[in-house]
Amino acid sequence: MALFDKAKELSGKVMDKTMQFSSDELIADTIIMSMKKQEKVNAILKQRGSNYRITGVDLEMGVPPKMIFAVRRVAEESQDFEKRDDEKGVTTE
């Protein structure tokens, strides 16, 4: 019976942590922190002459929470904008 009680106690702790991770304040703080991290890393990449930038951030509010960065080449990003402009008939003269 002690094992069952221990498992029940642990599952309660996990539920409490999960509820803490879903609070609106924590989500807002996590978004702000991830955007600051993106800006800092992109500045370092640019300073070092890298052709790569963080172009997106996915946040997963689980146990443990995850921050996943999407990285693309700068040239690819500008080509995507040019392709979209071409499809829309926009000229850049």
PDB file of N, CA and C in Angstrom:
ATOM      1  N   MET A   1       0.816  -1.194   0.000  1.00  0.00           N
ATOM      2  CA  MET A   1       0.000   0.000   0.000  1.00  0.00           C
ATOM      3  C   MET A   1       0.865   1.266   0.000  1.00  0.00           C
ATOM      4  N   ALA A   2       2.042   1.196   0.598  1.00  0.00           N
ATOM      5  CA  ALA A   2       2.933   2.356   0.659  1.00  0.00           C
ATOM      6  C   ALA A   2       3.379   2.781  -0.735  1.00  0.00           C
ATOM      7  N   LEU A   3       3.603   1.823  -1.613  1.00  0.00           N
ATOM      8  CA  LEU A   3       4.004   2.130  -2.979  1.00  0.00           C
ATOM      9  C   LEU A   3       2.900   2.891  -3.703  1.00  0.00           C
ATOM     10  N   PHE A   4       1.654   2.447  -3.527  1.00  0.00           N
ATOM     11  CA  PHE A   4       0.520   3.119  -4.151  1.00  0.00           C
ATOM     12  C   PHE A   4       0.392   4.546  -3.627  1.00  0.00           C
ATOM     13  N   ASP A   5       0.557   4.727  -2.320  1.00  0.00           N
ATOM     14  CA  ASP A   5       0.469   6.065  -1.728  1.00  0.00           C
ATOM     15  C   ASP A   5       1.567   6.981  -2.266  1.00  0.00           C
ATOM     16  N   LYS A   6       2.757   6.436  -2.421  1.00  0.00           N
ATOM     17  CA  LYS A   6       3.882   7.214  -2.951  1.00  0.00           C
ATOM     18  C   LYS A   6       3.605   7.640  -4.399  1.00  0.00           C
ATOM     19  N   ALA A   7       3.076   6.708  -5.202  1.00  0.00           N
ATOM     20  CA  ALA A   7       2.746   7.020  -6.596  1.00  0.00           C
ATOM     21  C   ALA A   7       1.666   8.094  -6.664  1.00  0.00           C
ATOM     22  N   LYS A   8       0.692   8.000  -5.791  1.00  0.00           N
ATOM     23  CA  LYS A   8      -0.387   8.989  -5.759  1.00  0.00           C
ATOM     24  C   LYS A   8       0.169  10.370  -5.387  1.00  0.00           C
ATOM     25  N   GLU A   9       1.075  10.388  -4.416  1.00  0.00           N
ATOM     26  CA  GLU A   9       1.701  11.641  -3.993  1.00  0.00           C
ATOM     27  C   GLU A   9       2.509  12.265  -5.132  1.00  0.00           C
ATOM     28  N   LEU A  10       3.286  11.446  -5.835  1.00  0.00           N
ATOM     29  CA  LEU A  10       4.091  11.945  -6.952  1.00  0.00           C
ATOM     30  C   LEU A  10       3.220  12.464  -8.087  1.00  0.00           C
ATOM     31  N   SER A  11       2.120  11.767  -8.383  1.00  0.00           N
ATOM     32  CA  SER A  11       1.240  12.235  -9.458  1.00  0.00           C
ATOM     33  C   SER A  11       0.606  13.566  -9.078  1.00  0.00           C
ATOM     34  N   GLY A  12       0.315  13.761  -7.798  1.00  0.00           N
ATOM     35  CA  GLY A  12      -0.216  15.043  -7.337  1.00  0.00           C
ATOM     36  C   GLY A  12       0.791  16.162  -7.519  1.00  0.00           C
ATOM     37  N   LYS A  13       2.066  15.877  -7.240  1.00  0.00           N
ATOM     38  CA  LYS A  13       3.118  16.876  -7.428  1.00  0.00           C
ATOM     39  C   LYS A  13       3.276  17.242  -8.897  1.00  0.00           C
ATOM     40  N   VAL A  14       3.200  16.245  -9.772  1.00  0.00           N
ATOM     41  CA  VAL A  14       3.300  16.501 -11.212  1.00  0.00           C
ATOM     42  C   VAL A  14       2.142  17.373 -11.665  1.00  0.00           C
ATOM     43  N   MET A  15       0.945  17.097 -11.181  1.00  0.00           N
ATOM     44  CA  MET A  15      -0.219  17.913 -11.546  1.00  0.00           C
ATOM     45  C   MET A  15      -0.037  19.356 -11.068  1.00  0.00           C
ATOM     46  N   ASP A  16       0.488  19.527  -9.849  1.00  0.00           N
ATOM     47  CA  ASP A  16       0.731  20.882  -9.335  1.00  0.00           C
ATOM     48  C   ASP A  16       1.726  21.626 -10.220  1.00  0.00           C
ATOM     49  N   LYS A  17       2.809  20.957 -10.607  1.00  0.00           N
ATOM     50  CA  LYS A  17       3.815  21.581 -11.477  1.00  0.00           C
ATOM     51  C   LYS A  17       3.207  21.928 -12.827  1.00  0.00           C
ATOM     52  N   THR A  18       2.390  21.027 -13.364  1.00  0.00           N
ATOM     53  CA  THR A  18       1.751  21.274 -14.660  1.00  0.00           C
ATOM     54  C   THR A  18       0.858  22.503 -14.582  1.00  0.00           C
ATOM     55  N   MET A  19       0.122  22.647 -13.504  1.00  0.00           N
ATOM     56  CA  MET A  19      -0.747  23.807 -13.341  1.00  0.00           C
ATOM     57  C   MET A  19       0.084  25.087 -13.230  1.00  0.00           C
ATOM     58  N   GLN A  20       1.236  25.006 -12.559  1.00  0.00           N
ATOM     59  CA  GLN A  20       2.105  26.175 -12.449  1.00  0.00           C
ATOM     60  C   GLN A  20       2.617  26.597 -13.819  1.00  0.00           C
ATOM     61  N   PHE A  21       2.944  25.621 -14.672  1.00  0.00           N
ATOM     62  CA  PHE A  21       3.473  25.937 -15.995  1.00  0.00           C
ATOM     63  C   PHE A  21       2.422  26.560 -16.899  1.00  0.00           C
ATOM     64  N   SER A  22       1.159  26.369 -16.598  1.00  0.00           N
ATOM     65  CA  SER A  22       0.124  26.895 -17.480  1.00  0.00           C
ATOM     66  C   SER A  22      -0.413  28.244 -17.007  1.00  0.00           C
ATOM     67  N   SER A  23       0.176  28.829 -15.976  1.00  0.00           N
ATOM     68  CA  SER A  23      -0.299  30.134 -15.515  1.00  0.00           C
ATOM     69  C   SER A  23      -0.011  31.186 -16.586  1.00  0.00           C
ATOM     70  N   ASP A  24      -0.911  32.135 -16.703  1.00  0.00           N
ATOM     71  CA  ASP A  24      -0.774  33.181 -17.721  1.00  0.00           C
ATOM     72  C   ASP A  24       0.498  34.005 -17.525  1.00  0.00           C
ATOM     73  N   GLU A  25       0.821  34.313 -16.277  1.00  0.00           N
ATOM     74  CA  GLU A  25       2.031  35.088 -15.986  1.00  0.00           C
ATOM     75  C   GLU A  25       3.281  34.343 -16.434  1.00  0.00           C
ATOM     76  N   LEU A  26       3.346  33.052 -16.142  1.00  0.00           N
ATOM     77  CA  LEU A  26       4.515  32.259 -16.516  1.00  0.00           C
ATOM     78  C   LEU A  26       4.640  32.164 -18.030  1.00  0.00           C
ATOM     79  N   ILE A  27       3.523  31.985 -18.713  1.00  0.00           N
ATOM     80  CA  ILE A  27       3.556  31.905 -20.175  1.00  0.00           C
ATOM     81  C   ILE A  27       4.052  33.228 -20.757  1.00  0.00           C
ATOM     82  N   ALA A  28       3.534  34.344 -20.241  1.00  0.00           N
ATOM     83  CA  ALA A  28       3.973  35.661 -20.726  1.00  0.00           C
ATOM     84  C   ALA A  28       5.461  35.867 -20.463  1.00  0.00           C
ATOM     85  N   ASP A  29       5.926  35.501 -19.260  1.00  0.00           N
ATOM     86  CA  ASP A  29       7.352  35.635 -18.934  1.00  0.00           C
ATOM     87  C   ASP A  29       8.216  34.770 -19.840  1.00  0.00           C
ATOM     88  N   THR A  30       7.742  33.572 -20.148  1.00  0.00           N
ATOM     89  CA  THR A  30       8.494  32.660 -21.013  1.00  0.00           C
ATOM     90  C   THR A  30       8.592  33.213 -22.431  1.00  0.00           C
ATOM     91  N   ILE A  31       7.510  33.790 -22.925  1.00  0.00           N
ATOM     92  CA  ILE A  31       7.522  34.392 -24.265  1.00  0.00           C
ATOM     93  C   ILE A  31       8.516  35.551 -24.309  1.00  0.00           C
ATOM     94  N   ILE A  32       8.461  36.419 -23.312  1.00  0.00           N
ATOM     95  CA  ILE A  32       9.380  37.561 -23.266  1.00  0.00           C
ATOM     96  C   ILE A  32      10.823  37.081 -23.209  1.00  0.00           C
ATOM     97  N   MET A  33      11.098  36.090 -22.355  1.00  0.00           N
ATOM     98  CA  MET A  33      12.453  35.565 -22.216  1.00  0.00           C
ATOM     99  C   MET A  33      12.943  34.946 -23.529  1.00  0.00           C
ATOM    100  N   SER A  34      12.078  34.207 -24.215  1.00  0.00           N
ATOM    101  CA  SER A  34      12.506  33.559 -25.459  1.00  0.00           C
ATOM    102  C   SER A  34      12.767  34.579 -26.560  1.00  0.00           C
ATOM    103  N   MET A  35      11.983  35.661 -26.606  1.00  0.00           N
ATOM    104  CA  MET A  35      12.208  36.691 -27.617  1.00  0.00           C
ATOM    105  C   MET A  35      13.500  37.456 -27.340  1.00  0.00           C
ATOM    106  N   LYS A  36      13.788  37.717 -26.069  1.00  0.00           N
ATOM    107  CA  LYS A  36      15.058  38.369 -25.724  1.00  0.00           C
ATOM    108  C   LYS A  36      16.231  37.479 -26.112  1.00  0.00           C
ATOM    109  N   LYS A  37      16.089  36.185 -25.851  1.00  0.00           N
ATOM    110  CA  LYS A  37      17.149  35.230 -26.208  1.00  0.00           C
ATOM    111  C   LYS A  37      17.349  35.232 -27.720  1.00  0.00           C
ATOM    112  N   GLN A  38      16.255  35.244 -28.495  1.00  0.00           N
ATOM    113  CA  GLN A  38      16.351  35.264 -29.950  1.00  0.00           C
ATOM    114  C   GLN A  38      17.098  36.511 -30.413  1.00  0.00           C
ATOM    115  N   GLU A  39      16.756  37.668 -29.872  1.00  0.00           N
ATOM    116  CA  GLU A  39      17.408  38.913 -30.272  1.00  0.00           C
ATOM    117  C   GLU A  39      18.897  38.904 -29.940  1.00  0.00           C
ATOM    118  N   LYS A  40      19.251  38.428 -28.750  1.00  0.00           N
ATOM    119  CA  LYS A  40      20.662  38.385 -28.350  1.00  0.00           C
ATOM    120  C   LYS A  40      21.467  37.441 -29.238  1.00  0.00           C
ATOM    121  N   VAL A  41      20.924  36.253 -29.472  1.00  0.00           N
ATOM    122  CA  VAL A  41      21.645  35.271 -30.288  1.00  0.00           C
ATOM    123  C   VAL A  41      21.775  35.772 -31.720  1.00  0.00           C
ATOM    124  N   ASN A  42      20.723  36.363 -32.274  1.00  0.00           N
ATOM    125  CA  ASN A  42      20.801  36.890 -33.640  1.00  0.00           C
ATOM    126  C   ASN A  42      21.839  38.004 -33.744  1.00  0.00           C
ATOM    127  N   ALA A  43      21.946  38.847 -32.713  1.00  0.00           N
ATOM    128  CA  ALA A  43      22.963  39.904 -32.722  1.00  0.00           C
ATOM    129  C   ALA A  43      24.367  39.300 -32.712  1.00  0.00           C
ATOM    130  N   ILE A  44      24.567  38.255 -31.921  1.00  0.00           N
ATOM    131  CA  ILE A  44      25.877  37.584 -31.879  1.00  0.00           C
ATOM    132  C   ILE A  44      26.181  36.938 -33.224  1.00  0.00           C
ATOM    133  N   LEU A  45      25.194  36.267 -33.816  1.00  0.00           N
ATOM    134  CA  LEU A  45      25.402  35.628 -35.119  1.00  0.00           C
ATOM    135  C   LEU A  45      25.765  36.664 -36.181  1.00  0.00           C
ATOM    136  N   LYS A  46      25.066  37.801 -36.172  1.00  0.00           N
ATOM    137  CA  LYS A  46      25.346  38.865 -37.141  1.00  0.00           C
ATOM    138  C   LYS A  46      26.745  39.432 -36.920  1.00  0.00           C
ATOM    139  N   GLN A  47      27.112  39.667 -35.665  1.00  0.00           N
ATOM    140  CA  GLN A  47      28.431  40.202 -35.320  1.00  0.00           C
ATOM    141  C   GLN A  47      29.541  39.269 -35.789  1.00  0.00           C
ATOM    142  N   ARG A  48      29.305  37.981 -35.730  1.00  0.00           N
ATOM    143  CA  ARG A  48      30.315  37.000 -36.130  1.00  0.00           C
ATOM    144  C   ARG A  48      30.282  36.693 -37.624  1.00  0.00           C
ATOM    145  N   GLY A  49      29.402  37.370 -38.353  1.00  0.00           N
ATOM    146  CA  GLY A  49      29.353  37.198 -39.794  1.00  0.00           C
ATOM    147  C   GLY A  49      28.646  35.939 -40.254  1.00  0.00           C
ATOM    148  N   SER A  50      27.845  35.364 -39.394  1.00  0.00           N
ATOM    149  CA  SER A  50      27.132  34.133 -39.747  1.00  0.00           C
ATOM    150  C   SER A  50      25.959  34.438 -40.677  1.00  0.00           C
ATOM    151  N   ASN A  51      25.673  33.505 -41.570  1.00  0.00           N
ATOM    152  CA  ASN A  51      24.529  33.634 -42.470  1.00  0.00           C
ATOM    153  C   ASN A  51      23.259  33.056 -41.860  1.00  0.00           C
ATOM    154  N   TYR A  52      23.302  32.661 -40.607  1.00  0.00           N
ATOM    155  CA  TYR A  52      22.156  32.027 -39.960  1.00  0.00           C
ATOM    156  C   TYR A  52      21.533  32.951 -38.926  1.00  0.00           C
ATOM    157  N   ARG A  53      20.209  32.850 -38.798  1.00  0.00           N
ATOM    158  CA  ARG A  53      19.466  33.608 -37.797  1.00  0.00           C
ATOM    159  C   ARG A  53      18.359  32.720 -37.237  1.00  0.00           C
ATOM    160  N   ILE A  54      17.978  33.011 -36.004  1.00  0.00           N
ATOM    161  CA  ILE A  54      16.798  32.368 -35.429  1.00  0.00           C
ATOM    162  C   ILE A  54      15.595  33.082 -36.020  1.00  0.00           C
ATOM    163  N   THR A  55      14.735  32.337 -36.697  1.00  0.00           N
ATOM    164  CA  THR A  55      13.588  32.943 -37.370  1.00  0.00           C
ATOM    165  C   THR A  55      12.262  32.606 -36.705  1.00  0.00           C
ATOM    166  N   GLY A  56      12.291  31.715 -35.741  1.00  0.00           N
ATOM    167  CA  GLY A  56      11.054  31.356 -35.061  1.00  0.00           C
ATOM    168  C   GLY A  56      11.341  30.648 -33.753  1.00  0.00           C
ATOM    169  N   VAL A  57      10.368  30.723 -32.863  1.00  0.00           N
ATOM    170  CA  VAL A  57      10.500  30.076 -31.562  1.00  0.00           C
ATOM    171  C   VAL A  57       9.208  29.326 -31.271  1.00  0.00           C
ATOM    172  N   ASP A  58       9.340  28.059 -30.897  1.00  0.00           N
ATOM    173  CA  ASP A  58       8.201  27.267 -30.431  1.00  0.00           C
ATOM    174  C   ASP A  58       8.381  27.029 -28.946  1.00  0.00           C
ATOM    175  N   LEU A  59       7.315  27.232 -28.196  1.00  0.00           N
ATOM    176  CA  LEU A  59       7.352  26.992 -26.760  1.00  0.00           C
ATOM    177  C   LEU A  59       6.453  25.812 -26.444  1.00  0.00           C
ATOM    178  N   GLU A  60       6.965  24.899 -25.649  1.00  0.00           N
ATOM    179  CA  GLU A  60       6.183  23.742 -25.226  1.00  0.00           C
ATOM    180  C   GLU A  60       6.096  23.783 -23.710  1.00  0.00           C
ATOM    181  N   MET A  61       4.910  24.004 -23.209  1.00  0.00           N
ATOM    182  CA  MET A  61       4.717  24.122 -21.768  1.00  0.00           C
ATOM    183  C   MET A  61       4.370  22.753 -21.194  1.00  0.00           C
ATOM    184  N   GLY A  62       5.378  21.931 -21.029  1.00  0.00           N
ATOM    185  CA  GLY A  62       5.207  20.600 -20.455  1.00  0.00           C
ATOM    186  C   GLY A  62       6.161  20.425 -19.300  1.00  0.00           C
ATOM    187  N   VAL A  63       6.369  19.195 -18.925  1.00  0.00           N
ATOM    188  CA  VAL A  63       7.326  18.887 -17.864  1.00  0.00           C
ATOM    189  C   VAL A  63       8.430  18.058 -18.470  1.00  0.00           C
ATOM    190  N   PRO A  64       9.607  18.571 -18.698  1.00  0.00           N
ATOM    191  CA  PRO A  64      10.010  19.959 -18.476  1.00  0.00           C
ATOM    192  C   PRO A  64       9.568  20.837 -19.647  1.00  0.00           C
ATOM    193  N   PRO A  65       9.463  22.152 -19.422  1.00  0.00           N
ATOM    194  CA  PRO A  65       9.117  23.051 -20.534  1.00  0.00           C
ATOM    195  C   PRO A  65      10.255  23.084 -21.550  1.00  0.00           C
ATOM    196  N   LYS A  66       9.906  23.342 -22.815  1.00  0.00           N
ATOM    197  CA  LYS A  66      10.919  23.367 -23.876  1.00  0.00           C
ATOM    198  C   LYS A  66      10.819  24.659 -24.665  1.00  0.00           C
ATOM    199  N   MET A  67      11.973  25.116 -25.129  1.00  0.00           N
ATOM    200  CA  MET A  67      12.063  26.259 -26.022  1.00  0.00           C
ATOM    201  C   MET A  67      12.799  25.760 -27.264  1.00  0.00           C
ATOM    202  N   ILE A  68      12.131  25.774 -28.416  1.00  0.00           N
ATOM    203  CA  ILE A  68      12.701  25.229 -29.644  1.00  0.00           C
ATOM    204  C   ILE A  68      12.873  26.371 -30.640  1.00  0.00           C
ATOM    205  N   PHE A  69      14.107  26.555 -31.120  1.00  0.00           N
ATOM    206  CA  PHE A  69      14.404  27.641 -32.044  1.00  0.00           C
ATOM    207  C   PHE A  69      14.476  27.120 -33.471  1.00  0.00           C
ATOM    208  N   ALA A  70      13.848  27.843 -34.401  1.00  0.00           N
ATOM    209  CA  ALA A  70      13.959  27.543 -35.829  1.00  0.00           C
ATOM    210  C   ALA A  70      15.074  28.417 -36.393  1.00  0.00           C
ATOM    211  N   VAL A  71      16.016  27.797 -37.084  1.00  0.00           N
ATOM    212  CA  VAL A  71      17.181  28.509 -37.615  1.00  0.00           C
ATOM    213  C   VAL A  71      17.172  28.408 -39.131  1.00  0.00           C
ATOM    214  N   ARG A  72      17.397  29.541 -39.803  1.00  0.00           N
ATOM    215  CA  ARG A  72      17.459  29.564 -41.269  1.00  0.00           C
ATOM    216  C   ARG A  72      18.620  30.427 -41.710  1.00  0.00           C
ATOM    217  N   ARG A  73      19.038  30.171 -42.935  1.00  0.00           N
ATOM    218  CA  ARG A  73      20.059  31.032 -43.544  1.00  0.00           C
ATOM    219  C   ARG A  73      19.408  32.352 -43.921  1.00  0.00           C
ATOM    220  N   VAL A  74      20.133  33.436 -43.761  1.00  0.00           N
ATOM    221  CA  VAL A  74      19.619  34.762 -44.098  1.00  0.00           C
ATOM    222  C   VAL A  74      19.275  34.818 -45.576  1.00  0.00           C
ATOM    223  N   ALA A  75      20.104  34.224 -46.421  1.00  0.00           N
ATOM    224  CA  ALA A  75      19.858  34.229 -47.865  1.00  0.00           C
ATOM    225  C   ALA A  75      18.542  33.535 -48.183  1.00  0.00           C
ATOM    226  N   GLU A  76      18.235  32.436 -47.511  1.00  0.00           N
ATOM    227  CA  GLU A  76      16.980  31.730 -47.743  1.00  0.00           C
ATOM    228  C   GLU A  76      15.794  32.606 -47.380  1.00  0.00           C
ATOM    229  N   GLU A  77      15.904  33.343 -46.286  1.00  0.00           N
ATOM    230  CA  GLU A  77      14.824  34.196 -45.839  1.00  0.00           C
ATOM    231  C   GLU A  77      14.549  35.303 -46.851  1.00  0.00           C
ATOM    232  N   SER A  78      15.604  35.948 -47.363  1.00  0.00           N
ATOM    233  CA  SER A  78      15.404  37.017 -48.339  1.00  0.00           C
ATOM    234  C   SER A  78      14.874  36.455 -49.653  1.00  0.00           C
ATOM    235  N   GLN A  79      15.292  35.237 -50.014  1.00  0.00           N
ATOM    236  CA  GLN A  79      14.761  34.599 -51.218  1.00  0.00           C
ATOM    237  C   GLN A  79      13.275  34.302 -51.058  1.00  0.00           C
ATOM    238  N   ASP A  80      12.855  33.895 -49.856  1.00  0.00           N
ATOM    239  CA  ASP A  80      11.440  33.640 -49.603  1.00  0.00           C
ATOM    240  C   ASP A  80      10.626  34.914 -49.772  1.00  0.00           C
ATOM    241  N   PHE A  81      11.147  36.055 -49.265  1.00  0.00           N
ATOM    242  CA  PHE A  81      10.442  37.319 -49.422  1.00  0.00           C
ATOM    243  C   PHE A  81      10.346  37.700 -50.897  1.00  0.00           C
ATOM    244  N   GLU A  82      11.440  37.518 -51.642  1.00  0.00           N
ATOM    245  CA  GLU A  82      11.432  37.834 -53.067  1.00  0.00           C
ATOM    246  C   GLU A  82      10.442  36.940 -53.804  1.00  0.00           C
ATOM    247  N   LYS A  83      10.404  35.662 -53.455  1.00  0.00           N
ATOM    248  CA  LYS A  83       9.483  34.724 -54.099  1.00  0.00           C
ATOM    249  C   LYS A  83       8.039  35.137 -53.829  1.00  0.00           C
ATOM    250  N   ARG A  84       7.728  35.514 -52.572  1.00  0.00           N
ATOM    251  CA  ARG A  84       6.371  35.943 -52.241  1.00  0.00           C
ATOM    252  C   ARG A  84       6.014  37.218 -52.996  1.00  0.00           C
ATOM    253  N   ASP A  85       6.977  38.155 -53.097  1.00  0.00           N
ATOM    254  CA  ASP A  85       6.725  39.388 -53.837  1.00  0.00           C
ATOM    255  C   ASP A  85       6.470  39.092 -55.307  1.00  0.00           C
ATOM    256  N   ASP A  86       7.248  38.168 -55.897  1.00  0.00           N
ATOM    257  CA  ASP A  86       7.055  37.790 -57.292  1.00  0.00           C
ATOM    258  C   ASP A  86       5.676  37.185 -57.505  1.00  0.00           C
ATOM    259  N   GLU A  87       5.248  36.345 -56.564  1.00  0.00           N
ATOM    260  CA  GLU A  87       3.935  35.710 -56.683  1.00  0.00           C
ATOM    261  C   GLU A  87       2.816  36.732 -56.586  1.00  0.00           C
ATOM    262  N   LYS A  88       3.031  37.803 -55.811  1.00  0.00           N
ATOM    263  CA  LYS A  88       2.018  38.842 -55.648  1.00  0.00           C
ATOM    264  C   LYS A  88       2.114  39.906 -56.737  1.00  0.00           C
ATOM    265  N   GLY A  89       3.185  39.865 -57.529  1.00  0.00           N
ATOM    266  CA  GLY A  89       3.365  40.851 -58.580  1.00  0.00           C
ATOM    267  C   GLY A  89       3.961  42.152 -58.082  1.00  0.00           C
ATOM    268  N   VAL A  90       4.627  42.117 -56.951  1.00  0.00           N
ATOM    269  CA  VAL A  90       5.242  43.309 -56.372  1.00  0.00           C
ATOM    270  C   VAL A  90       6.630  43.480 -56.969  1.00  0.00           C
ATOM    271  N   THR A  91       6.952  44.711 -57.368  1.00  0.00           N
ATOM    272  CA  THR A  91       8.293  44.986 -57.893  1.00  0.00           C
ATOM    273  C   THR A  91       9.069  45.777 -56.858  1.00  0.00           C
ATOM    274  N   THR A  92      10.370  45.586 -56.847  1.00  0.00           N
ATOM    275  CA  THR A  92      11.223  46.275 -55.865  1.00  0.00           C
ATOM    276  C   THR A  92      12.184  47.215 -56.575  1.00  0.00           C
ATOM    277  N   GLU A  93      11.658  48.143 -57.318  1.00  0.00           N
ATOM    278  CA  GLU A  93      12.502  49.103 -58.039  1.00  0.00           C
ATOM    279  C   GLU A  93      12.502  50.427 -57.349  1.00  0.00           C
TER     280      GLU A  93
END
